[in-house]
Amino acid sequence: MTDAQLDRLGTLIENNNADAFYSWKPWKRLRKTVLKIDNYECQICKAKGKYRRAVIIHHVKHLKDRPDLALSIWDGKERQLVSVCKVCHEEEHPERVIQYQYKKKDEMFEERWD
């Protein structure tokens, strides 16, 4: 990752807009590479002897914690980016699922007295 990319990502993280990173061309190219390396198989399911098609690339060391590894398949010793299915990714990020559920719930029960 270049210094310019790291600075740009840092700004996105500071502004609570880290998801914008996933629209970058270098990320999209790397995502395809990781899926091919893992044969489009969820690596977490595979470790359990199961099969599910991978649709998401998971940052083992979270993007916000280690932006310097955002475009690195390896962190030096271990895989940093792995292919996972949606179910496993949600299990890896329960904070996002809960946040989404509360947001949905709040929107559903909003009263209007117009």
N, C-alpha and C. Protein backbone atom coordinates (compact mmCIF):
# COMPACT_ATOMS: atom_id res chain seq x y z
N MET A 1 0.85 -1.17 0.00
CA MET A 1 0.00 0.00 0.00
C MET A 1 0.90 1.23 0.00
N THR A 2 0.59 2.17 -0.86
CA THR A 2 1.40 3.38 -0.92
C THR A 2 1.06 4.30 0.25
N ASP A 3 1.96 5.23 0.51
CA ASP A 3 1.71 6.21 1.58
C ASP A 3 0.46 7.04 1.28
N ALA A 4 0.26 7.38 0.00
CA ALA A 4 -0.93 8.17 -0.38
C ALA A 4 -2.21 7.38 -0.11
N GLN A 5 -2.20 6.10 -0.45
CA GLN A 5 -3.37 5.27 -0.21
C GLN A 5 -3.64 5.13 1.29
N LEU A 6 -2.57 4.96 2.05
CA LEU A 6 -2.70 4.81 3.50
C LEU A 6 -3.26 6.09 4.12
N ASP A 7 -2.79 7.25 3.65
CA ASP A 7 -3.32 8.53 4.14
C ASP A 7 -4.80 8.68 3.79
N ARG A 8 -5.13 8.31 2.56
CA ARG A 8 -6.53 8.41 2.10
C ARG A 8 -7.42 7.49 2.93
N LEU A 9 -6.97 6.26 3.17
CA LEU A 9 -7.75 5.32 3.98
C LEU A 9 -7.88 5.81 5.41
N GLY A 10 -6.80 6.36 5.96
CA GLY A 10 -6.86 6.92 7.31
C GLY A 10 -7.90 8.00 7.43
N THR A 11 -8.00 8.84 6.43
CA THR A 11 -9.02 9.90 6.42
C THR A 11 -10.42 9.30 6.37
N LEU A 12 -10.60 8.27 5.54
CA LEU A 12 -11.91 7.61 5.47
C LEU A 12 -12.29 7.03 6.83
N ILE A 13 -11.34 6.39 7.48
CA ILE A 13 -11.60 5.78 8.79
C ILE A 13 -11.95 6.85 9.82
N GLU A 14 -11.20 7.94 9.83
CA GLU A 14 -11.47 9.05 10.76
C GLU A 14 -12.87 9.63 10.57
N ASN A 15 -13.33 9.64 9.32
CA ASN A 15 -14.64 10.20 8.99
C ASN A 15 -15.75 9.16 9.01
N ASN A 16 -15.47 8.00 9.62
CA ASN A 16 -16.45 6.90 9.69
C ASN A 16 -17.00 6.51 8.33
N ASN A 17 -16.12 6.50 7.33
CA ASN A 17 -16.52 6.16 5.97
C ASN A 17 -15.58 5.09 5.39
N ALA A 18 -15.12 4.19 6.24
CA ALA A 18 -14.16 3.17 5.81
C ALA A 18 -14.73 2.27 4.71
N ASP A 19 -16.05 2.11 4.66
CA ASP A 19 -16.65 1.26 3.63
C ASP A 19 -16.37 1.76 2.21
N ALA A 20 -16.06 3.03 2.07
CA ALA A 20 -15.73 3.58 0.75
C ALA A 20 -14.48 2.91 0.17
N PHE A 21 -13.64 2.37 1.04
CA PHE A 21 -12.43 1.67 0.60
C PHE A 21 -12.77 0.53 -0.36
N TYR A 22 -13.90 -0.12 -0.15
CA TYR A 22 -14.26 -1.30 -0.94
C TYR A 22 -14.66 -0.97 -2.37
N SER A 23 -14.70 0.31 -2.72
CA SER A 23 -14.97 0.69 -4.11
C SER A 23 -13.68 1.02 -4.87
N TRP A 24 -12.54 1.01 -4.18
CA TRP A 24 -11.25 1.30 -4.82
C TRP A 24 -10.91 0.20 -5.83
N LYS A 25 -10.34 0.59 -6.96
CA LYS A 25 -9.94 -0.39 -7.98
C LYS A 25 -8.89 -1.38 -7.47
N PRO A 26 -7.86 -0.93 -6.72
CA PRO A 26 -6.89 -1.91 -6.22
C PRO A 26 -7.55 -2.97 -5.32
N TRP A 27 -8.55 -2.57 -4.53
CA TRP A 27 -9.25 -3.54 -3.68
C TRP A 27 -10.03 -4.52 -4.54
N LYS A 28 -10.75 -4.03 -5.54
CA LYS A 28 -11.55 -4.90 -6.39
C LYS A 28 -10.68 -5.94 -7.10
N ARG A 29 -9.50 -5.51 -7.57
CA ARG A 29 -8.58 -6.46 -8.21
C ARG A 29 -8.07 -7.50 -7.21
N LEU A 30 -7.69 -7.02 -6.03
CA LEU A 30 -7.17 -7.92 -5.01
C LEU A 30 -8.24 -8.89 -4.53
N ARG A 31 -9.45 -8.42 -4.42
CA ARG A 31 -10.57 -9.28 -4.02
C ARG A 31 -10.71 -10.46 -4.97
N LYS A 32 -10.66 -10.20 -6.26
CA LYS A 32 -10.76 -11.27 -7.26
C LYS A 32 -9.60 -12.26 -7.11
N THR A 33 -8.41 -11.74 -6.85
CA THR A 33 -7.24 -12.59 -6.68
C THR A 33 -7.41 -13.53 -5.48
N VAL A 34 -7.87 -12.98 -4.37
CA VAL A 34 -8.04 -13.80 -3.15
C VAL A 34 -9.11 -14.86 -3.38
N LEU A 35 -10.21 -14.52 -4.01
CA LEU A 35 -11.25 -15.50 -4.31
C LEU A 35 -10.68 -16.64 -5.16
N LYS A 36 -9.86 -16.31 -6.16
CA LYS A 36 -9.26 -17.34 -7.00
C LYS A 36 -8.31 -18.22 -6.21
N ILE A 37 -7.48 -17.60 -5.36
CA ILE A 37 -6.55 -18.37 -4.53
C ILE A 37 -7.31 -19.40 -3.68
N ASP A 38 -8.45 -18.99 -3.15
CA ASP A 38 -9.24 -19.84 -2.26
C ASP A 38 -10.30 -20.66 -3.00
N ASN A 39 -10.22 -20.70 -4.32
CA ASN A 39 -11.17 -21.45 -5.15
C ASN A 39 -12.63 -21.10 -4.86
N TYR A 40 -12.87 -19.85 -4.50
CA TYR A 40 -14.22 -19.36 -4.21
C TYR A 40 -14.89 -20.15 -3.09
N GLU A 41 -14.10 -20.72 -2.20
CA GLU A 41 -14.61 -21.51 -1.08
C GLU A 41 -14.41 -20.75 0.22
N CYS A 42 -15.41 -20.80 1.08
CA CYS A 42 -15.29 -20.19 2.41
C CYS A 42 -14.23 -20.96 3.19
N GLN A 43 -13.22 -20.27 3.62
CA GLN A 43 -12.11 -20.91 4.32
C GLN A 43 -12.46 -21.31 5.75
N ILE A 44 -13.42 -20.62 6.35
CA ILE A 44 -13.85 -20.99 7.70
C ILE A 44 -14.68 -22.27 7.64
N CYS A 45 -15.61 -22.34 6.70
CA CYS A 45 -16.40 -23.57 6.52
C CYS A 45 -15.48 -24.73 6.15
N LYS A 46 -14.55 -24.47 5.26
CA LYS A 46 -13.63 -25.51 4.79
C LYS A 46 -12.83 -26.10 5.97
N ALA A 47 -12.42 -25.25 6.90
CA ALA A 47 -11.68 -25.71 8.07
C ALA A 47 -12.54 -26.62 8.96
N LYS A 48 -13.86 -26.49 8.83
CA LYS A 48 -14.80 -27.32 9.60
C LYS A 48 -15.25 -28.54 8.81
N GLY A 49 -14.68 -28.74 7.61
CA GLY A 49 -15.06 -29.87 6.77
C GLY A 49 -16.34 -29.67 6.01
N LYS A 50 -16.76 -28.42 5.84
CA LYS A 50 -17.99 -28.10 5.12
C LYS A 50 -17.65 -27.29 3.88
N TYR A 51 -18.63 -27.09 3.03
CA TYR A 51 -18.43 -26.26 1.85
C TYR A 51 -19.53 -25.21 1.74
N ARG A 52 -19.10 -24.00 1.52
CA ARG A 52 -19.98 -22.90 1.14
C ARG A 52 -19.21 -22.02 0.19
N ARG A 53 -19.92 -21.46 -0.75
CA ARG A 53 -19.29 -20.55 -1.71
C ARG A 53 -18.95 -19.24 -1.02
N ALA A 54 -17.72 -18.79 -1.20
CA ALA A 54 -17.27 -17.53 -0.63
C ALA A 54 -17.73 -16.37 -1.51
N VAL A 55 -18.19 -15.32 -0.84
CA VAL A 55 -18.64 -14.12 -1.55
C VAL A 55 -18.00 -12.85 -0.98
N ILE A 56 -17.31 -12.99 0.15
CA ILE A 56 -16.74 -11.84 0.86
C ILE A 56 -15.28 -12.13 1.16
N ILE A 57 -14.46 -11.08 1.10
CA ILE A 57 -13.07 -11.19 1.53
C ILE A 57 -12.98 -10.54 2.90
N HIS A 58 -12.53 -11.33 3.87
CA HIS A 58 -12.47 -10.88 5.26
C HIS A 58 -11.06 -10.42 5.62
N HIS A 59 -10.97 -9.24 6.22
CA HIS A 59 -9.70 -8.77 6.79
C HIS A 59 -9.56 -9.41 8.18
N VAL A 60 -8.62 -10.32 8.34
CA VAL A 60 -8.43 -11.00 9.62
C VAL A 60 -8.09 -9.96 10.69
N LYS A 61 -7.15 -9.11 10.39
CA LYS A 61 -6.86 -7.97 11.26
C LYS A 61 -7.67 -6.82 10.70
N HIS A 62 -8.63 -6.37 11.48
CA HIS A 62 -9.64 -5.43 11.00
C HIS A 62 -9.04 -4.19 10.33
N LEU A 63 -9.73 -3.77 9.31
CA LEU A 63 -9.32 -2.62 8.51
C LEU A 63 -9.06 -1.39 9.37
N LYS A 64 -9.93 -1.13 10.32
CA LYS A 64 -9.78 0.06 11.16
C LYS A 64 -8.59 -0.06 12.11
N ASP A 65 -8.26 -1.30 12.50
CA ASP A 65 -7.13 -1.51 13.41
C ASP A 65 -5.79 -1.53 12.68
N ARG A 66 -5.79 -2.06 11.46
CA ARG A 66 -4.55 -2.19 10.70
C ARG A 66 -4.74 -1.75 9.26
N PRO A 67 -4.95 -0.46 9.03
CA PRO A 67 -5.15 0.01 7.67
C PRO A 67 -3.94 -0.25 6.77
N ASP A 68 -2.77 -0.38 7.37
CA ASP A 68 -1.56 -0.65 6.58
C ASP A 68 -1.62 -2.02 5.90
N LEU A 69 -2.48 -2.92 6.37
CA LEU A 69 -2.62 -4.25 5.79
C LEU A 69 -3.84 -4.37 4.88
N ALA A 70 -4.49 -3.26 4.59
CA ALA A 70 -5.74 -3.27 3.83
C ALA A 70 -5.61 -3.95 2.47
N LEU A 71 -4.46 -3.82 1.84
CA LEU A 71 -4.25 -4.40 0.52
C LEU A 71 -3.16 -5.49 0.55
N SER A 72 -3.07 -6.21 1.67
CA SER A 72 -2.07 -7.25 1.83
C SER A 72 -2.73 -8.60 2.06
N ILE A 73 -2.40 -9.57 1.24
CA ILE A 73 -2.95 -10.91 1.42
C ILE A 73 -2.33 -11.55 2.66
N TRP A 74 -1.06 -11.27 2.89
CA TRP A 74 -0.34 -11.81 4.05
C TRP A 74 0.11 -10.66 4.94
N ASP A 75 0.22 -10.92 6.23
CA ASP A 75 0.73 -9.91 7.16
C ASP A 75 2.20 -10.15 7.47
N GLY A 76 2.80 -11.06 6.80
CA GLY A 76 4.20 -11.43 7.02
C GLY A 76 4.30 -12.89 7.39
N LYS A 77 3.41 -13.35 8.27
CA LYS A 77 3.42 -14.74 8.72
C LYS A 77 2.11 -15.47 8.39
N GLU A 78 1.02 -14.76 8.51
CA GLU A 78 -0.30 -15.38 8.35
C GLU A 78 -1.11 -14.68 7.28
N ARG A 79 -2.16 -15.38 6.82
CA ARG A 79 -3.07 -14.77 5.86
C ARG A 79 -3.80 -13.61 6.53
N GLN A 80 -3.86 -12.52 5.85
CA GLN A 80 -4.58 -11.33 6.31
C GLN A 80 -5.93 -11.24 5.63
N LEU A 81 -6.02 -11.72 4.41
CA LEU A 81 -7.27 -11.68 3.65
C LEU A 81 -7.69 -13.11 3.32
N VAL A 82 -8.91 -13.47 3.69
CA VAL A 82 -9.42 -14.81 3.41
C VAL A 82 -10.84 -14.72 2.85
N SER A 83 -11.15 -15.66 1.99
CA SER A 83 -12.48 -15.73 1.40
C SER A 83 -13.43 -16.41 2.39
N VAL A 84 -14.60 -15.79 2.57
CA VAL A 84 -15.60 -16.35 3.49
C VAL A 84 -16.99 -16.20 2.91
N CYS A 85 -17.91 -17.01 3.42
CA CYS A 85 -19.31 -16.87 3.04
C CYS A 85 -19.95 -15.77 3.90
N LYS A 86 -21.14 -15.40 3.53
CA LYS A 86 -21.82 -14.32 4.27
C LYS A 86 -22.09 -14.70 5.73
N VAL A 87 -22.50 -15.94 5.97
CA VAL A 87 -22.81 -16.40 7.32
C VAL A 87 -21.57 -16.31 8.21
N CYS A 88 -20.45 -16.81 7.73
CA CYS A 88 -19.22 -16.77 8.52
C CYS A 88 -18.74 -15.34 8.73
N HIS A 89 -18.91 -14.48 7.73
CA HIS A 89 -18.47 -13.11 7.89
C HIS A 89 -19.31 -12.41 8.97
N GLU A 90 -20.60 -12.69 9.00
CA GLU A 90 -21.45 -12.10 10.03
C GLU A 90 -21.04 -12.61 11.42
N GLU A 91 -20.62 -13.86 11.51
CA GLU A 91 -20.14 -14.39 12.78
C GLU A 91 -18.83 -13.74 13.20
N GLU A 92 -18.01 -13.37 12.24
CA GLU A 92 -16.75 -12.68 12.53
C GLU A 92 -16.98 -11.23 12.95
N HIS A 93 -18.11 -10.67 12.54
CA HIS A 93 -18.43 -9.27 12.85
C HIS A 93 -19.82 -9.15 13.48
N PRO A 94 -20.02 -9.72 14.66
CA PRO A 94 -21.35 -9.64 15.28
C PRO A 94 -21.77 -8.20 15.59
N GLU A 95 -20.80 -7.32 15.80
CA GLU A 95 -21.13 -5.92 16.09
C GLU A 95 -21.86 -5.26 14.93
N ARG A 96 -21.56 -5.64 13.72
CA ARG A 96 -22.22 -5.05 12.55
C ARG A 96 -23.63 -5.58 12.40
N VAL A 97 -23.83 -6.85 12.70
CA VAL A 97 -25.15 -7.46 12.59
C VAL A 97 -26.09 -6.85 13.62
N ILE A 98 -25.64 -6.72 14.85
CA ILE A 98 -26.45 -6.12 15.91
C ILE A 98 -26.79 -4.68 15.57
N GLN A 99 -25.80 -3.94 15.11
CA GLN A 99 -26.02 -2.54 14.74
C GLN A 99 -27.09 -2.46 13.66
N TYR A 100 -27.03 -3.34 12.67
CA TYR A 100 -28.01 -3.34 11.58
C TYR A 100 -29.39 -3.70 12.11
N GLN A 101 -29.47 -4.71 12.99
CA GLN A 101 -30.76 -5.13 13.53
C GLN A 101 -31.41 -4.00 14.31
N TYR A 102 -30.64 -3.30 15.15
CA TYR A 102 -31.20 -2.20 15.91
C TYR A 102 -31.66 -1.07 14.99
N LYS A 103 -30.86 -0.81 13.99
CA LYS A 103 -31.23 0.25 13.06
C LYS A 103 -32.54 -0.11 12.37
N LYS A 104 -32.65 -1.33 11.89
CA LYS A 104 -33.87 -1.78 11.24
C LYS A 104 -35.05 -1.68 12.19
N LYS A 105 -34.86 -2.17 13.41
CA LYS A 105 -35.92 -2.18 14.40
C LYS A 105 -36.39 -0.76 14.70
N ASP A 106 -35.44 0.15 14.89
CA ASP A 106 -35.80 1.54 15.17
C ASP A 106 -36.60 2.15 14.03
N GLU A 107 -36.22 1.83 12.82
CA GLU A 107 -36.93 2.39 11.68
C GLU A 107 -38.33 1.81 11.57
N MET A 108 -38.51 0.56 11.95
CA MET A 108 -39.80 -0.08 11.83
C MET A 108 -40.84 0.50 12.80
N PHE A 109 -40.43 0.92 13.97
CA PHE A 109 -41.36 1.35 14.98
C PHE A 109 -41.39 2.87 15.19
N GLU A 110 -40.88 3.59 14.22
CA GLU A 110 -40.89 5.04 14.34
C GLU A 110 -42.33 5.54 14.17
N GLU A 111 -42.80 6.31 15.13
CA GLU A 111 -44.15 6.85 15.06
C GLU A 111 -44.14 8.20 14.35
N ARG A 112 -45.20 8.45 13.64
CA ARG A 112 -45.34 9.74 12.96
C ARG A 112 -46.72 10.29 13.27
N TRP A 113 -46.76 11.53 13.64
CA TRP A 113 -48.02 12.17 14.02
C TRP A 113 -48.31 13.36 13.10
N ASP A 114 -47.95 13.26 11.85
CA ASP A 114 -48.15 14.37 10.91
C ASP A 114 -49.60 14.64 10.66
